[in-house]
Amino acid sequence: MKRSVVRILLIAAAAVASFAASGEEEIRGAEKAWAAAVKGRDFAALDKIFTPGLIYAHATGSIESKEKYIDRLRSGAQRYDSITHEDVRVVMYGDAAVAHSMVRVTGSNNAGPFNDHVMMMHLWVKQGGAWRLAAHQTTKVP
């Protein structure tokens, strides 16, 4: 009897760990898809990646909606040449996840060229079976 209970607990723990690992990998993939869409100016992909209520907070303190941010990318007022994740930590919360990363970002905006090292926080939510970005926050680091 004790062996059966232990075996069931081990199987349940393995299933939970497997679910968490697959969720983490999905979020890591979503992070890569976000970076590729932003760099590639793939507005159709960004429309699918971002939730309608997206809060996009830049390291400058500027906060934009989904529409405003995509419009800035479309106009060329914001352009990314590279986005390199140096470290990514993912914490799952059911149909939500937080991705915390250290990122090197280069490009240009209204202030001119930038080469920033930032700490980035993304809030991902699962909607309609897909992971979508609900919030973005960056902070410049030395």
C-alpha atoms as a PDB file:
ATOM      1  CA  MET A   1       0.000   0.000   0.000  1.00  0.00           C
ATOM      2  CA  LYS A   2       2.763   2.439   0.962  1.00  0.00           C
ATOM      3  CA  ARG A   3       4.606   1.658  -2.277  1.00  0.00           C
ATOM      4  CA  SER A   4       1.466   2.355  -4.301  1.00  0.00           C
ATOM      5  CA  VAL A   5       0.965   5.740  -2.634  1.00  0.00           C
ATOM      6  CA  VAL A   6       4.629   6.651  -3.125  1.00  0.00           C
ATOM      7  CA  ARG A   7       4.471   5.529  -6.764  1.00  0.00           C
ATOM      8  CA  ILE A   8       1.316   7.630  -7.381  1.00  0.00           C
ATOM      9  CA  LEU A   9       2.943  10.671  -5.746  1.00  0.00           C
ATOM     10  CA  LEU A  10       6.068  10.264  -7.861  1.00  0.00           C
ATOM     11  CA  ILE A  11       4.021   9.977 -11.043  1.00  0.00           C
ATOM     12  CA  ALA A  12       1.996  13.064 -10.105  1.00  0.00           C
ATOM     13  CA  ALA A  13       5.166  15.029  -9.303  1.00  0.00           C
ATOM     14  CA  ALA A  14       6.703  14.001 -12.638  1.00  0.00           C
ATOM     15  CA  ALA A  15       3.544  15.089 -14.489  1.00  0.00           C
ATOM     16  CA  VAL A  16       3.576  18.500 -12.776  1.00  0.00           C
ATOM     17  CA  ALA A  17       7.284  18.951 -13.521  1.00  0.00           C
ATOM     18  CA  SER A  18       6.733  17.967 -17.146  1.00  0.00           C
ATOM     19  CA  PHE A  19       3.845  20.435 -17.490  1.00  0.00           C
ATOM     20  CA  ALA A  20       5.950  23.242 -15.972  1.00  0.00           C
ATOM     21  CA  ALA A  21       8.911  22.407 -18.211  1.00  0.00           C
ATOM     22  CA  SER A  22       6.767  22.396 -21.360  1.00  0.00           C
ATOM     23  CA  GLY A  23       5.165  25.709 -20.317  1.00  0.00           C
ATOM     24  CA  GLU A  24       8.585  27.225 -19.732  1.00  0.00           C
ATOM     25  CA  GLU A  25       9.743  26.097 -23.163  1.00  0.00           C
ATOM     26  CA  GLU A  26       6.604  27.564 -24.740  1.00  0.00           C
ATOM     27  CA  ILE A  27       7.339  30.920 -23.067  1.00  0.00           C
ATOM     28  CA  ARG A  28      10.986  30.804 -24.167  1.00  0.00           C
ATOM     29  CA  GLY A  29       9.696  30.210 -27.704  1.00  0.00           C
ATOM     30  CA  ALA A  30       7.223  33.087 -27.319  1.00  0.00           C
ATOM     31  CA  GLU A  31      10.095  35.360 -26.217  1.00  0.00           C
ATOM     32  CA  LYS A  32      12.030  34.420 -29.366  1.00  0.00           C
ATOM     33  CA  ALA A  33       8.942  34.978 -31.538  1.00  0.00           C
ATOM     34  CA  TRP A  34       8.424  38.429 -29.972  1.00  0.00           C
ATOM     35  CA  ALA A  35      12.054  39.418 -30.606  1.00  0.00           C
ATOM     36  CA  ALA A  36      11.948  38.175 -34.217  1.00  0.00           C
ATOM     37  CA  ALA A  37       8.666  39.996 -34.921  1.00  0.00           C
ATOM     38  CA  VAL A  38       9.916  43.270 -33.421  1.00  0.00           C
ATOM     39  CA  LYS A  39      13.256  43.133 -35.283  1.00  0.00           C
ATOM     40  CA  GLY A  40      11.599  42.010 -38.510  1.00  0.00           C
ATOM     41  CA  ARG A  41       8.828  44.610 -38.253  1.00  0.00           C
ATOM     42  CA  ASP A  42       6.307  41.785 -38.679  1.00  0.00           C
ATOM     43  CA  PHE A  43       3.179  43.715 -37.765  1.00  0.00           C
ATOM     44  CA  ALA A  44       0.799  40.813 -38.435  1.00  0.00           C
ATOM     45  CA  ALA A  45       2.759  38.633 -36.002  1.00  0.00           C
ATOM     46  CA  LEU A  46       2.890  41.412 -33.396  1.00  0.00           C
ATOM     47  CA  ASP A  47      -0.872  41.888 -33.678  1.00  0.00           C
ATOM     48  CA  LYS A  48      -1.279  38.209 -32.742  1.00  0.00           C
ATOM     49  CA  ILE A  49       1.437  38.235 -30.058  1.00  0.00           C
ATOM     50  CA  PHE A  50       0.145  41.304 -28.187  1.00  0.00           C
ATOM     51  CA  THR A  51      -3.071  41.282 -26.163  1.00  0.00           C
ATOM     52  CA  PRO A  52      -5.551  44.083 -26.970  1.00  0.00           C
ATOM     53  CA  GLY A  53      -4.854  45.665 -23.574  1.00  0.00           C
ATOM     54  CA  LEU A  54      -1.051  45.518 -23.855  1.00  0.00           C
ATOM     55  CA  ILE A  55       0.892  47.810 -21.516  1.00  0.00           C
ATOM     56  CA  TYR A  56       4.281  48.496 -23.155  1.00  0.00           C
ATOM     57  CA  ALA A  57       6.543  50.394 -20.743  1.00  0.00           C
ATOM     58  CA  HIS A  58       9.949  51.468 -22.053  1.00  0.00           C
ATOM     59  CA  ALA A  59      13.089  52.087 -19.968  1.00  0.00           C
ATOM     60  CA  THR A  60      12.646  55.797 -20.792  1.00  0.00           C
ATOM     61  CA  GLY A  61       9.422  55.869 -18.778  1.00  0.00           C
ATOM     62  CA  SER A  62       7.231  56.079 -21.879  1.00  0.00           C
ATOM     63  CA  ILE A  63       4.164  53.829 -21.746  1.00  0.00           C
ATOM     64  CA  GLU A  64       2.339  52.820 -24.918  1.00  0.00           C
ATOM     65  CA  SER A  65      -0.727  50.845 -25.909  1.00  0.00           C
ATOM     66  CA  LYS A  66      -0.602  48.060 -28.465  1.00  0.00           C
ATOM     67  CA  GLU A  67      -1.777  50.402 -31.225  1.00  0.00           C
ATOM     68  CA  LYS A  68       0.607  53.231 -30.327  1.00  0.00           C
ATOM     69  CA  TYR A  69       3.616  50.908 -30.098  1.00  0.00           C
ATOM     70  CA  ILE A  70       2.893  49.157 -33.407  1.00  0.00           C
ATOM     71  CA  ASP A  71       2.315  52.556 -35.062  1.00  0.00           C
ATOM     72  CA  ARG A  72       5.747  53.766 -33.824  1.00  0.00           C
ATOM     73  CA  LEU A  73       7.375  50.657 -35.282  1.00  0.00           C
ATOM     74  CA  ARG A  74       5.454  51.043 -38.538  1.00  0.00           C
ATOM     75  CA  SER A  75       6.448  54.724 -38.903  1.00  0.00           C
ATOM     76  CA  GLY A  76      10.130  53.959 -38.240  1.00  0.00           C
ATOM     77  CA  ALA A  77      10.165  56.143 -35.101  1.00  0.00           C
ATOM     78  CA  GLN A  78      11.260  52.967 -33.243  1.00  0.00           C
ATOM     79  CA  ARG A  79      13.515  50.383 -34.886  1.00  0.00           C
ATOM     80  CA  TYR A  80      15.363  47.417 -33.443  1.00  0.00           C
ATOM     81  CA  ASP A  81      18.477  46.050 -35.121  1.00  0.00           C
ATOM     82  CA  SER A  82      19.207  43.385 -32.523  1.00  0.00           C
ATOM     83  CA  ILE A  83      17.606  41.894 -29.429  1.00  0.00           C
ATOM     84  CA  THR A  84      19.843  39.431 -27.612  1.00  0.00           C
ATOM     85  CA  HIS A  85      18.550  37.593 -24.555  1.00  0.00           C
ATOM     86  CA  GLU A  86      21.517  36.989 -22.230  1.00  0.00           C
ATOM     87  CA  ASP A  87      19.562  35.265 -19.499  1.00  0.00           C
ATOM     88  CA  VAL A  88      15.897  34.259 -19.217  1.00  0.00           C
ATOM     89  CA  ARG A  89      14.048  33.077 -16.124  1.00  0.00           C
ATOM     90  CA  VAL A  90      10.453  31.877 -16.523  1.00  0.00           C
ATOM     91  CA  VAL A  91       7.960  31.388 -13.700  1.00  0.00           C
ATOM     92  CA  MET A  92       4.654  29.728 -14.579  1.00  0.00           C
ATOM     93  CA  TYR A  93       1.314  30.615 -12.961  1.00  0.00           C
ATOM     94  CA  GLY A  94      -1.196  28.367 -14.739  1.00  0.00           C
ATOM     95  CA  ASP A  95      -2.411  30.305 -17.791  1.00  0.00           C
ATOM     96  CA  ALA A  96       0.026  33.138 -17.043  1.00  0.00           C
ATOM     97  CA  ALA A  97       3.788  33.361 -16.914  1.00  0.00           C
ATOM     98  CA  VAL A  98       6.431  35.913 -16.052  1.00  0.00           C
ATOM     99  CA  ALA A  99       9.615  36.013 -18.111  1.00  0.00           C
ATOM    100  CA  HIS A 100      12.492  38.002 -16.596  1.00  0.00           C
ATOM    101  CA  SER A 101      15.502  38.587 -18.840  1.00  0.00           C
ATOM    102  CA  MET A 102      18.729  40.481 -19.206  1.00  0.00           C
ATOM    103  CA  VAL A 103      18.758  41.758 -22.788  1.00  0.00           C
ATOM    104  CA  ARG A 104      21.071  43.707 -25.105  1.00  0.00           C
ATOM    105  CA  VAL A 105      19.015  45.872 -27.491  1.00  0.00           C
ATOM    106  CA  THR A 106      20.302  48.012 -30.369  1.00  0.00           C
ATOM    107  CA  GLY A 107      18.443  50.197 -32.828  1.00  0.00           C
ATOM    108  CA  SER A 108      17.197  53.744 -33.145  1.00  0.00           C
ATOM    109  CA  ASN A 109      14.294  55.895 -31.998  1.00  0.00           C
ATOM    110  CA  ASN A 110      13.359  59.573 -31.936  1.00  0.00           C
ATOM    111  CA  ALA A 111      16.380  60.295 -29.700  1.00  0.00           C
ATOM    112  CA  GLY A 112      18.784  58.595 -32.145  1.00  0.00           C
ATOM    113  CA  PRO A 113      20.725  55.326 -32.065  1.00  0.00           C
ATOM    114  CA  PHE A 114      20.729  53.237 -28.903  1.00  0.00           C
ATOM    115  CA  ASN A 115      22.737  50.305 -27.578  1.00  0.00           C
ATOM    116  CA  ASP A 116      21.067  49.436 -24.284  1.00  0.00           C
ATOM    117  CA  HIS A 117      21.588  46.758 -21.699  1.00  0.00           C
ATOM    118  CA  VAL A 118      18.200  46.255 -20.034  1.00  0.00           C
ATOM    119  CA  MET A 119      16.435  44.109 -17.513  1.00  0.00           C
ATOM    120  CA  MET A 120      13.148  43.078 -19.121  1.00  0.00           C
ATOM    121  CA  MET A 121       9.960  41.727 -17.567  1.00  0.00           C
ATOM    122  CA  HIS A 122       7.214  40.204 -19.712  1.00  0.00           C
ATOM    123  CA  LEU A 123       3.809  39.027 -18.549  1.00  0.00           C
ATOM    124  CA  TRP A 124       2.428  36.317 -20.835  1.00  0.00           C
ATOM    125  CA  VAL A 125      -1.169  35.071 -20.685  1.00  0.00           C
ATOM    126  CA  LYS A 126      -2.661  32.094 -22.462  1.00  0.00           C
ATOM    127  CA  GLN A 127      -5.675  33.145 -24.533  1.00  0.00           C
ATOM    128  CA  GLY A 128      -7.396  30.951 -27.093  1.00  0.00           C
ATOM    129  CA  GLY A 129      -4.668  28.334 -26.711  1.00  0.00           C
ATOM    130  CA  ALA A 130      -1.853  30.789 -27.558  1.00  0.00           C
ATOM    131  CA  TRP A 131       0.597  32.683 -25.362  1.00  0.00           C
ATOM    132  CA  ARG A 132       0.135  36.443 -25.758  1.00  0.00           C
ATOM    133  CA  LEU A 133       2.137  39.317 -24.340  1.00  0.00           C
ATOM    134  CA  ALA A 134       0.061  41.397 -21.891  1.00  0.00           C
ATOM    135  CA  ALA A 135       2.798  43.596 -20.392  1.00  0.00           C
ATOM    136  CA  HIS A 136       6.369  44.648 -21.177  1.00  0.00           C
ATOM    137  CA  GLN A 137       8.687  46.592 -18.847  1.00  0.00           C
ATOM    138  CA  THR A 138      12.357  47.410 -19.280  1.00  0.00           C
ATOM    139  CA  THR A 139      14.877  49.035 -16.969  1.00  0.00           C
ATOM    140  CA  LYS A 140      18.340  50.155 -18.110  1.00  0.00           C
ATOM    141  CA  VAL A 141      21.246  48.507 -16.322  1.00  0.00           C
ATOM    142  CA  PRO A 142      24.963  49.334 -16.515  1.00  0.00           C
END
